[in-house]
Amino acid sequence: MRLALIVLALCAAMLSPVHAQDTPVLDARLRVTGDVPAALDLDAAALAGMPRMRWTQTEKDGASRRYEGVDLALILLKAGAPIRDGLRASDAGRYLHAQARDGYVAVFALSEFDSGRFVVVDRMDDAPLFAASGPLQLAALSDGSRRTRWVKRLTRLELRRSQPAPD
């Protein structure tokens, strides 16, 4: 009886048309808030209307993946963040706090946008990202093969100002 139940459960799982991990998430929304002149609330259509970056990358398992998304610097410039030519000495203590739906956080100094490559990814292999990593993902291409600052399930970018510690 027990074996029959296990076989039945396995058959049901295999016959299921879509596995939850492979289900595209369609509610892409990115909020840009904090110390910016123009807070943004970008949905999938707004991101799709921005200039796109595309690249191919070989993953650790040897598979070749095609990624597509928007240059993070363009999003920050649209919000009025002081990056690249707009960065001044008085902005040295400001940073970008990138947060995922599950609470994962990565931090980026604004000076990194002078030469770094960071992309808000919404497509992989010509399809929307799946629930396990999307609908949006922040790819820190400048970090090379280390993906400690790749933020899966990205929901918020917040520009913050560090505070001096009391003496």
Foldseek 3Di string as FASTA:
>chain_A
DVVVVVVVVVVVVVPPPDDQQFAFDQFAWEWEEAPFQATDIDTPVNFVPADKDWDWDQAPVRDIKIWMGAWVVVVRVVRHHQAAPSDDPVQQQKWKWWAAPVGDTDIGGRPCVNPWTKGWTQDMPRHGHHPVFDNTWIARPRVPNDGSHIGGRIHYIYMYGDDDDDD
